[in-house]
Amino acid sequence: MQCPIDLLASNVRAKRERRKDARPGELLAAALELFVEKGFAATRAEEVAKRAGVSKGTLFLYFSSKEELFKAVVRENISGRFDEWSQELDAYEGSSAELLRYCITVWWERVGSTQAAGISKLMMSEAGNFPELAAFYQAEVIAPGNALIQRVLQRGINSGEFRPMELNYGAYLVMAPILFLAISKQSLGSCMPPGVVFDPLAYIQTQVDNMLIGLAVRPPPSPLQAS
């Protein structure tokens, strides 16, 4: 039979181990909140540690610098999900028009409607002051996001649903309205005039409807139209 003192010590050690395992996630959650609230430059490491309930020294046991902490926040909330999204794209069996609508709607549900959308606003305002972080964000978020959208567009071209286009510019066509939505949510979205209702999902559906009109293959003009 285990001694009560040994059992108590074992329980304390197990609790400490669970707490230790949870710390990176707690630090990332606290960092995301502060980066979105204050921006990258204005957020101090000690503030993140305090909000997570640990010491500054503990923070640096897991993340060597504030820059590395920010990169981990981006990977946890955005770039680390691209493999999952790519697999969903590969498995999708519907039309490319339906897939495009699905991708944009899911982006809103998983990223745009969450606090992580504030990262886009942060990068828009501060990337010019932090070239290393700008290059990181370009490599881990913008480039793979662009590539994912290009795959959807190419799928539609191959199936005859979408007209041929310059894929890079086509991807920007898709990205622009959802980037506006993310930035608006973190800025003017909270200051709408009285009586004005902005429904993000209705906005997305309207944008996708218009995109699909522009992307659709057009029939050749009739002889009367051509004359």
C-alpha atoms as a PDB file:
ATOM      1  CA  MET A   1       0.000   0.000   0.000  1.00  0.00           C
ATOM      2  CA  GLN A   2       1.378   3.416  -0.969  1.00  0.00           C
ATOM      3  CA  CYS A   3       2.252   5.761   1.873  1.00  0.00           C
ATOM      4  CA  PRO A   4      -0.161   8.752   2.092  1.00  0.00           C
ATOM      5  CA  ILE A   5       2.794  11.154   1.992  1.00  0.00           C
ATOM      6  CA  ASP A   6       4.183   9.462  -1.118  1.00  0.00           C
ATOM      7  CA  LEU A   7       0.724   9.536  -2.710  1.00  0.00           C
ATOM      8  CA  LEU A   8       0.383  13.262  -1.956  1.00  0.00           C
ATOM      9  CA  ALA A   9       3.830  13.961  -3.405  1.00  0.00           C
ATOM     10  CA  SER A  10       2.965  11.941  -6.494  1.00  0.00           C
ATOM     11  CA  ASN A  11      -0.256  13.917  -6.984  1.00  0.00           C
ATOM     12  CA  VAL A  12       1.608  17.213  -6.586  1.00  0.00           C
ATOM     13  CA  ARG A  13       4.203  16.139  -9.166  1.00  0.00           C
ATOM     14  CA  ALA A  14       1.464  15.068 -11.584  1.00  0.00           C
ATOM     15  CA  LYS A  15      -0.318  18.388 -11.104  1.00  0.00           C
ATOM     16  CA  ARG A  16       2.918  20.274 -11.749  1.00  0.00           C
ATOM     17  CA  GLU A  17       3.563  18.254 -14.894  1.00  0.00           C
ATOM     18  CA  ARG A  18       0.063  18.990 -16.190  1.00  0.00           C
ATOM     19  CA  ARG A  19       0.570  22.668 -15.399  1.00  0.00           C
ATOM     20  CA  LYS A  20       3.954  22.618 -17.153  1.00  0.00           C
ATOM     21  CA  ASP A  21       2.430  21.014 -20.262  1.00  0.00           C
ATOM     22  CA  ALA A  22      -0.299  23.661 -20.348  1.00  0.00           C
ATOM     23  CA  ARG A  23       2.037  26.641 -20.053  1.00  0.00           C
ATOM     24  CA  PRO A  24       2.948  27.047 -23.747  1.00  0.00           C
ATOM     25  CA  GLY A  25      -0.737  27.171 -24.667  1.00  0.00           C
ATOM     26  CA  GLU A  26      -1.474  29.648 -21.876  1.00  0.00           C
ATOM     27  CA  LEU A  27       1.405  31.856 -22.989  1.00  0.00           C
ATOM     28  CA  LEU A  28       0.261  31.748 -26.613  1.00  0.00           C
ATOM     29  CA  ALA A  29      -3.305  32.662 -25.638  1.00  0.00           C
ATOM     30  CA  ALA A  30      -2.094  35.568 -23.506  1.00  0.00           C
ATOM     31  CA  ALA A  31       0.276  36.735 -26.243  1.00  0.00           C
ATOM     32  CA  LEU A  32      -2.463  36.660 -28.887  1.00  0.00           C
ATOM     33  CA  GLU A  33      -4.723  38.789 -26.692  1.00  0.00           C
ATOM     34  CA  LEU A  34      -2.029  41.374 -26.036  1.00  0.00           C
ATOM     35  CA  PHE A  35      -0.654  41.513 -29.580  1.00  0.00           C
ATOM     36  CA  VAL A  36      -4.168  42.158 -30.892  1.00  0.00           C
ATOM     37  CA  GLU A  37      -4.983  44.685 -28.155  1.00  0.00           C
ATOM     38  CA  LYS A  38      -1.717  46.656 -28.188  1.00  0.00           C
ATOM     39  CA  GLY A  39       0.228  45.695 -31.304  1.00  0.00           C
ATOM     40  CA  PHE A  40       3.594  43.967 -31.518  1.00  0.00           C
ATOM     41  CA  ALA A  41       5.862  46.893 -30.640  1.00  0.00           C
ATOM     42  CA  ALA A  42       3.863  47.990 -27.595  1.00  0.00           C
ATOM     43  CA  THR A  43       3.507  44.513 -26.085  1.00  0.00           C
ATOM     44  CA  ARG A  44       6.140  43.658 -23.484  1.00  0.00           C
ATOM     45  CA  ALA A  45       7.214  40.139 -22.583  1.00  0.00           C
ATOM     46  CA  GLU A  46       6.538  40.735 -18.891  1.00  0.00           C
ATOM     47  CA  GLU A  47       2.938  41.675 -19.701  1.00  0.00           C
ATOM     48  CA  VAL A  48       2.434  38.397 -21.533  1.00  0.00           C
ATOM     49  CA  ALA A  49       3.943  36.448 -18.647  1.00  0.00           C
ATOM     50  CA  LYS A  50       1.785  38.268 -16.099  1.00  0.00           C
ATOM     51  CA  ARG A  51      -1.408  37.636 -18.050  1.00  0.00           C
ATOM     52  CA  ALA A  52      -0.490  33.948 -18.370  1.00  0.00           C
ATOM     53  CA  GLY A  53       0.216  33.768 -14.642  1.00  0.00           C
ATOM     54  CA  VAL A  54       3.921  32.939 -14.918  1.00  0.00           C
ATOM     55  CA  SER A  55       7.220  34.753 -14.510  1.00  0.00           C
ATOM     56  CA  LYS A  56       9.067  36.462 -17.352  1.00  0.00           C
ATOM     57  CA  GLY A  57      11.826  33.888 -16.925  1.00  0.00           C
ATOM     58  CA  THR A  58       9.335  31.074 -17.471  1.00  0.00           C
ATOM     59  CA  LEU A  59       8.191  32.683 -20.727  1.00  0.00           C
ATOM     60  CA  PHE A  60      11.752  32.693 -22.023  1.00  0.00           C
ATOM     61  CA  LEU A  61      12.144  29.009 -21.158  1.00  0.00           C
ATOM     62  CA  TYR A  62       9.636  28.302 -23.932  1.00  0.00           C
ATOM     63  CA  PHE A  63      10.243  31.191 -26.343  1.00  0.00           C
ATOM     64  CA  SER A  64      13.678  32.736 -26.827  1.00  0.00           C
ATOM     65  CA  SER A  65      12.400  36.207 -27.757  1.00  0.00           C
ATOM     66  CA  LYS A  66       9.252  38.241 -28.306  1.00  0.00           C
ATOM     67  CA  GLU A  67       9.704  37.687 -32.050  1.00  0.00           C
ATOM     68  CA  GLU A  68       9.733  33.907 -31.593  1.00  0.00           C
ATOM     69  CA  LEU A  69       6.659  34.168 -29.377  1.00  0.00           C
ATOM     70  CA  PHE A  70       4.835  36.088 -32.118  1.00  0.00           C
ATOM     71  CA  LYS A  71       5.821  33.491 -34.722  1.00  0.00           C
ATOM     72  CA  ALA A  72       4.486  30.745 -32.463  1.00  0.00           C
ATOM     73  CA  VAL A  73       1.189  32.646 -32.102  1.00  0.00           C
ATOM     74  CA  VAL A  74       0.853  32.873 -35.895  1.00  0.00           C
ATOM     75  CA  ARG A  75       1.636  29.171 -36.330  1.00  0.00           C
ATOM     76  CA  GLU A  76      -0.799  28.151 -33.610  1.00  0.00           C
ATOM     77  CA  ASN A  77      -3.692  30.198 -34.956  1.00  0.00           C
ATOM     78  CA  ILE A  78      -3.182  30.439 -38.736  1.00  0.00           C
ATOM     79  CA  SER A  79      -0.237  28.936 -40.584  1.00  0.00           C
ATOM     80  CA  GLY A  80      -0.282  25.666 -38.671  1.00  0.00           C
ATOM     81  CA  ARG A  81      -3.704  24.920 -40.173  1.00  0.00           C
ATOM     82  CA  PHE A  82      -2.739  24.966 -43.841  1.00  0.00           C
ATOM     83  CA  ASP A  83      -2.033  21.221 -43.952  1.00  0.00           C
ATOM     84  CA  GLU A  84      -5.533  20.545 -42.605  1.00  0.00           C
ATOM     85  CA  TRP A  85      -7.113  22.920 -45.136  1.00  0.00           C
ATOM     86  CA  SER A  86      -5.107  21.391 -47.977  1.00  0.00           C
ATOM     87  CA  GLN A  87      -6.348  17.921 -47.048  1.00  0.00           C
ATOM     88  CA  GLU A  88      -9.936  19.183 -47.017  1.00  0.00           C
ATOM     89  CA  LEU A  89      -9.416  20.656 -50.480  1.00  0.00           C
ATOM     90  CA  ASP A  90      -8.058  17.336 -51.779  1.00  0.00           C
ATOM     91  CA  ALA A  91     -11.029  15.425 -50.368  1.00  0.00           C
ATOM     92  CA  TYR A  92     -13.726  17.833 -51.586  1.00  0.00           C
ATOM     93  CA  GLU A  93     -16.003  16.260 -54.200  1.00  0.00           C
ATOM     94  CA  GLY A  94     -18.344  19.134 -55.091  1.00  0.00           C
ATOM     95  CA  SER A  95     -17.995  21.773 -57.784  1.00  0.00           C
ATOM     96  CA  SER A  96     -15.185  24.320 -57.696  1.00  0.00           C
ATOM     97  CA  ALA A  97     -17.738  27.102 -57.232  1.00  0.00           C
ATOM     98  CA  GLU A  98     -19.045  25.320 -54.125  1.00  0.00           C
ATOM     99  CA  LEU A  99     -15.478  24.708 -52.963  1.00  0.00           C
ATOM    100  CA  LEU A 100     -14.575  28.391 -53.242  1.00  0.00           C
ATOM    101  CA  ARG A 101     -17.642  29.335 -51.211  1.00  0.00           C
ATOM    102  CA  TYR A 102     -16.803  26.645 -48.652  1.00  0.00           C
ATOM    103  CA  CYS A 103     -13.182  27.813 -48.298  1.00  0.00           C
ATOM    104  CA  ILE A 104     -14.106  31.434 -47.663  1.00  0.00           C
ATOM    105  CA  THR A 105     -16.924  30.554 -45.256  1.00  0.00           C
ATOM    106  CA  VAL A 106     -14.709  28.150 -43.303  1.00  0.00           C
ATOM    107  CA  TRP A 107     -11.930  30.741 -43.129  1.00  0.00           C
ATOM    108  CA  TRP A 108     -14.398  33.117 -41.478  1.00  0.00           C
ATOM    109  CA  GLU A 109     -15.622  30.497 -39.026  1.00  0.00           C
ATOM    110  CA  ARG A 110     -12.142  29.283 -38.007  1.00  0.00           C
ATOM    111  CA  VAL A 111     -10.053  32.460 -38.236  1.00  0.00           C
ATOM    112  CA  GLY A 112     -11.901  35.593 -39.316  1.00  0.00           C
ATOM    113  CA  SER A 113     -14.528  35.498 -36.572  1.00  0.00           C
ATOM    114  CA  THR A 114     -11.915  34.800 -33.884  1.00  0.00           C
ATOM    115  CA  GLN A 115      -9.365  36.974 -32.158  1.00  0.00           C
ATOM    116  CA  ALA A 116      -6.732  35.652 -34.572  1.00  0.00           C
ATOM    117  CA  ALA A 117      -8.178  37.950 -37.248  1.00  0.00           C
ATOM    118  CA  GLY A 118      -6.446  40.783 -35.404  1.00  0.00           C
ATOM    119  CA  ILE A 119      -3.096  39.449 -36.594  1.00  0.00           C
ATOM    120  CA  SER A 120      -3.914  40.692 -40.111  1.00  0.00           C
ATOM    121  CA  LYS A 121      -4.521  44.218 -38.815  1.00  0.00           C
ATOM    122  CA  LEU A 122      -1.310  44.074 -36.787  1.00  0.00           C
ATOM    123  CA  MET A 123       0.728  43.053 -39.826  1.00  0.00           C
ATOM    124  CA  MET A 124      -0.828  45.758 -41.990  1.00  0.00           C
ATOM    125  CA  SER A 125       0.170  48.436 -39.486  1.00  0.00           C
ATOM    126  CA  GLU A 126       3.540  47.159 -38.232  1.00  0.00           C
ATOM    127  CA  ALA A 127       5.118  44.932 -40.892  1.00  0.00           C
ATOM    128  CA  GLY A 128       7.121  47.838 -42.322  1.00  0.00           C
ATOM    129  CA  ASN A 129       8.859  48.322 -38.964  1.00  0.00           C
ATOM    130  CA  PHE A 130       9.747  44.646 -38.511  1.00  0.00           C
ATOM    131  CA  PRO A 131      11.138  43.243 -41.803  1.00  0.00           C
ATOM    132  CA  GLU A 132      11.954  39.842 -40.292  1.00  0.00           C
ATOM    133  CA  LEU A 133       8.378  39.350 -39.115  1.00  0.00           C
ATOM    134  CA  ALA A 134       7.062  40.621 -42.455  1.00  0.00           C
ATOM    135  CA  ALA A 135       9.175  38.029 -44.290  1.00  0.00           C
ATOM    136  CA  PHE A 136       8.007  35.332 -41.879  1.00  0.00           C
ATOM    137  CA  TYR A 137       4.346  36.246 -42.375  1.00  0.00           C
ATOM    138  CA  GLN A 138       4.767  36.352 -46.137  1.00  0.00           C
ATOM    139  CA  ALA A 139       6.351  32.884 -46.136  1.00  0.00           C
ATOM    140  CA  GLU A 140       4.031  31.199 -43.628  1.00  0.00           C
ATOM    141  CA  VAL A 141       0.655  32.869 -44.232  1.00  0.00           C
ATOM    142  CA  ILE A 142       0.420  34.931 -47.428  1.00  0.00           C
ATOM    143  CA  ALA A 143       2.265  32.545 -49.761  1.00  0.00           C
ATOM    144  CA  PRO A 144       0.547  29.302 -48.667  1.00  0.00           C
ATOM    145  CA  GLY A 145      -2.828  31.049 -48.529  1.00  0.00           C
ATOM    146  CA  ASN A 146      -2.307  32.372 -52.040  1.00  0.00           C
ATOM    147  CA  ALA A 147      -1.238  28.920 -53.233  1.00  0.00           C
ATOM    148  CA  LEU A 148      -4.315  27.298 -51.693  1.00  0.00           C
ATOM    149  CA  ILE A 149      -6.657  29.718 -53.450  1.00  0.00           C
ATOM    150  CA  GLN A 150      -4.786  29.244 -56.720  1.00  0.00           C
ATOM    151  CA  ARG A 151      -5.388  25.502 -56.428  1.00  0.00           C
ATOM    152  CA  VAL A 152      -9.138  26.114 -56.130  1.00  0.00           C
ATOM    153  CA  LEU A 153      -9.088  28.437 -59.145  1.00  0.00           C
ATOM    154  CA  GLN A 154      -7.010  26.006 -61.214  1.00  0.00           C
ATOM    155  CA  ARG A 155      -9.417  23.218 -60.275  1.00  0.00           C
ATOM    156  CA  GLY A 156     -12.263  25.331 -61.651  1.00  0.00           C
ATOM    157  CA  ILE A 157     -10.352  26.109 -64.839  1.00  0.00           C
ATOM    158  CA  ASN A 158      -9.558  22.430 -65.359  1.00  0.00           C
ATOM    159  CA  SER A 159     -13.219  21.467 -64.911  1.00  0.00           C
ATOM    160  CA  GLY A 160     -14.417  24.165 -67.310  1.00  0.00           C
ATOM    161  CA  GLU A 161     -16.234  26.134 -64.587  1.00  0.00           C
ATOM    162  CA  PHE A 162     -13.844  29.096 -64.451  1.00  0.00           C
ATOM    163  CA  ARG A 163     -12.349  31.038 -67.319  1.00  0.00           C
ATOM    164  CA  PRO A 164      -8.554  31.031 -67.802  1.00  0.00           C
ATOM    165  CA  MET A 165      -6.822  33.768 -65.799  1.00  0.00           C
ATOM    166  CA  GLU A 166      -3.553  34.881 -64.261  1.00  0.00           C
ATOM    167  CA  LEU A 167      -3.830  32.811 -61.093  1.00  0.00           C
ATOM    168  CA  ASN A 168      -1.828  35.092 -58.825  1.00  0.00           C
ATOM    169  CA  TYR A 169      -4.104  38.051 -59.543  1.00  0.00           C
ATOM    170  CA  GLY A 170      -7.127  35.785 -59.300  1.00  0.00           C
ATOM    171  CA  ALA A 171      -6.042  34.787 -55.803  1.00  0.00           C
ATOM    172  CA  TYR A 172      -5.779  38.440 -54.779  1.00  0.00           C
ATOM    173  CA  LEU A 173      -9.320  38.959 -56.070  1.00  0.00           C
ATOM    174  CA  VAL A 174     -10.474  36.334 -53.560  1.00  0.00           C
ATOM    175  CA  MET A 175      -8.249  37.506 -50.707  1.00  0.00           C
ATOM    176  CA  ALA A 176      -9.090  41.229 -50.846  1.00  0.00           C
ATOM    177  CA  PRO A 177     -12.693  41.122 -49.537  1.00  0.00           C
ATOM    178  CA  ILE A 178     -11.908  38.654 -46.757  1.00  0.00           C
ATOM    179  CA  LEU A 179      -8.917  40.743 -45.681  1.00  0.00           C
ATOM    180  CA  PHE A 180     -11.229  43.771 -45.550  1.00  0.00           C
ATOM    181  CA  LEU A 181     -13.632  41.789 -43.381  1.00  0.00           C
ATOM    182  CA  ALA A 182     -10.879  40.777 -40.943  1.00  0.00           C
ATOM    183  CA  ILE A 183      -9.512  44.312 -40.617  1.00  0.00           C
ATOM    184  CA  SER A 184     -12.970  45.849 -40.338  1.00  0.00           C
ATOM    185  CA  LYS A 185     -13.869  43.490 -37.498  1.00  0.00           C
ATOM    186  CA  GLN A 186     -10.829  44.691 -35.546  1.00  0.00           C
ATOM    187  CA  SER A 187     -11.306  48.405 -36.248  1.00  0.00           C
ATOM    188  CA  LEU A 188     -14.413  50.193 -37.552  1.00  0.00           C
ATOM    189  CA  GLY A 189     -16.615  47.144 -37.118  1.00  0.00           C
ATOM    190  CA  SER A 190     -17.281  48.126 -33.507  1.00  0.00           C
ATOM    191  CA  CYS A 191     -18.303  51.676 -34.498  1.00  0.00           C
ATOM    192  CA  MET A 192     -21.195  51.065 -36.878  1.00  0.00           C
ATOM    193  CA  PRO A 193     -23.781  53.891 -37.075  1.00  0.00           C
ATOM    194  CA  PRO A 194     -27.054  53.308 -35.174  1.00  0.00           C
ATOM    195  CA  GLY A 195     -29.439  51.112 -37.099  1.00  0.00           C
ATOM    196  CA  VAL A 196     -26.758  49.775 -39.442  1.00  0.00           C
ATOM    197  CA  VAL A 197     -26.395  46.000 -39.257  1.00  0.00           C
ATOM    198  CA  PHE A 198     -23.393  44.292 -40.823  1.00  0.00           C
ATOM    199  CA  ASP A 199     -23.775  40.528 -41.212  1.00  0.00           C
ATOM    200  CA  PRO A 200     -20.377  38.958 -42.016  1.00  0.00           C
ATOM    201  CA  LEU A 201     -21.881  35.777 -43.485  1.00  0.00           C
ATOM    202  CA  ALA A 202     -24.251  37.756 -45.719  1.00  0.00           C
ATOM    203  CA  TYR A 203     -21.281  39.869 -46.818  1.00  0.00           C
ATOM    204  CA  ILE A 204     -19.296  36.718 -47.647  1.00  0.00           C
ATOM    205  CA  GLN A 205     -22.136  35.211 -49.668  1.00  0.00           C
ATOM    206  CA  THR A 206     -22.572  38.450 -51.642  1.00  0.00           C
ATOM    207  CA  GLN A 207     -18.846  38.665 -52.345  1.00  0.00           C
ATOM    208  CA  VAL A 208     -18.677  35.032 -53.474  1.00  0.00           C
ATOM    209  CA  ASP A 209     -21.723  35.473 -55.714  1.00  0.00           C
ATOM    210  CA  ASN A 210     -20.004  38.404 -57.435  1.00  0.00           C
ATOM    211  CA  MET A 211     -16.692  36.542 -57.680  1.00  0.00           C
ATOM    212  CA  LEU A 212     -18.348  33.588 -59.371  1.00  0.00           C
ATOM    213  CA  ILE A 213     -19.966  35.843 -61.966  1.00  0.00           C
ATOM    214  CA  GLY A 214     -16.540  37.231 -62.808  1.00  0.00           C
ATOM    215  CA  LEU A 215     -14.834  33.841 -62.790  1.00  0.00           C
ATOM    216  CA  ALA A 216     -17.434  31.991 -64.848  1.00  0.00           C
ATOM    217  CA  VAL A 217     -16.704  30.872 -68.392  1.00  0.00           C
ATOM    218  CA  ARG A 218     -18.522  33.168 -70.783  1.00  0.00           C
ATOM    219  CA  PRO A 219     -20.124  31.763 -73.946  1.00  0.00           C
ATOM    220  CA  PRO A 220     -18.754  33.194 -77.208  1.00  0.00           C
ATOM    221  CA  PRO A 221     -20.769  36.166 -78.516  1.00  0.00           C
ATOM    222  CA  SER A 222     -23.540  35.401 -80.977  1.00  0.00           C
ATOM    223  CA  PRO A 223     -23.156  36.686 -84.561  1.00  0.00           C
ATOM    224  CA  LEU A 224     -25.636  39.472 -83.773  1.00  0.00           C
ATOM    225  CA  GLN A 225     -23.641  40.535 -80.695  1.00  0.00           C
ATOM    226  CA  ALA A 226     -20.387  40.435 -82.634  1.00  0.00           C
ATOM    227  CA  SER A 227     -21.709  42.591 -85.505  1.00  0.00           C
END
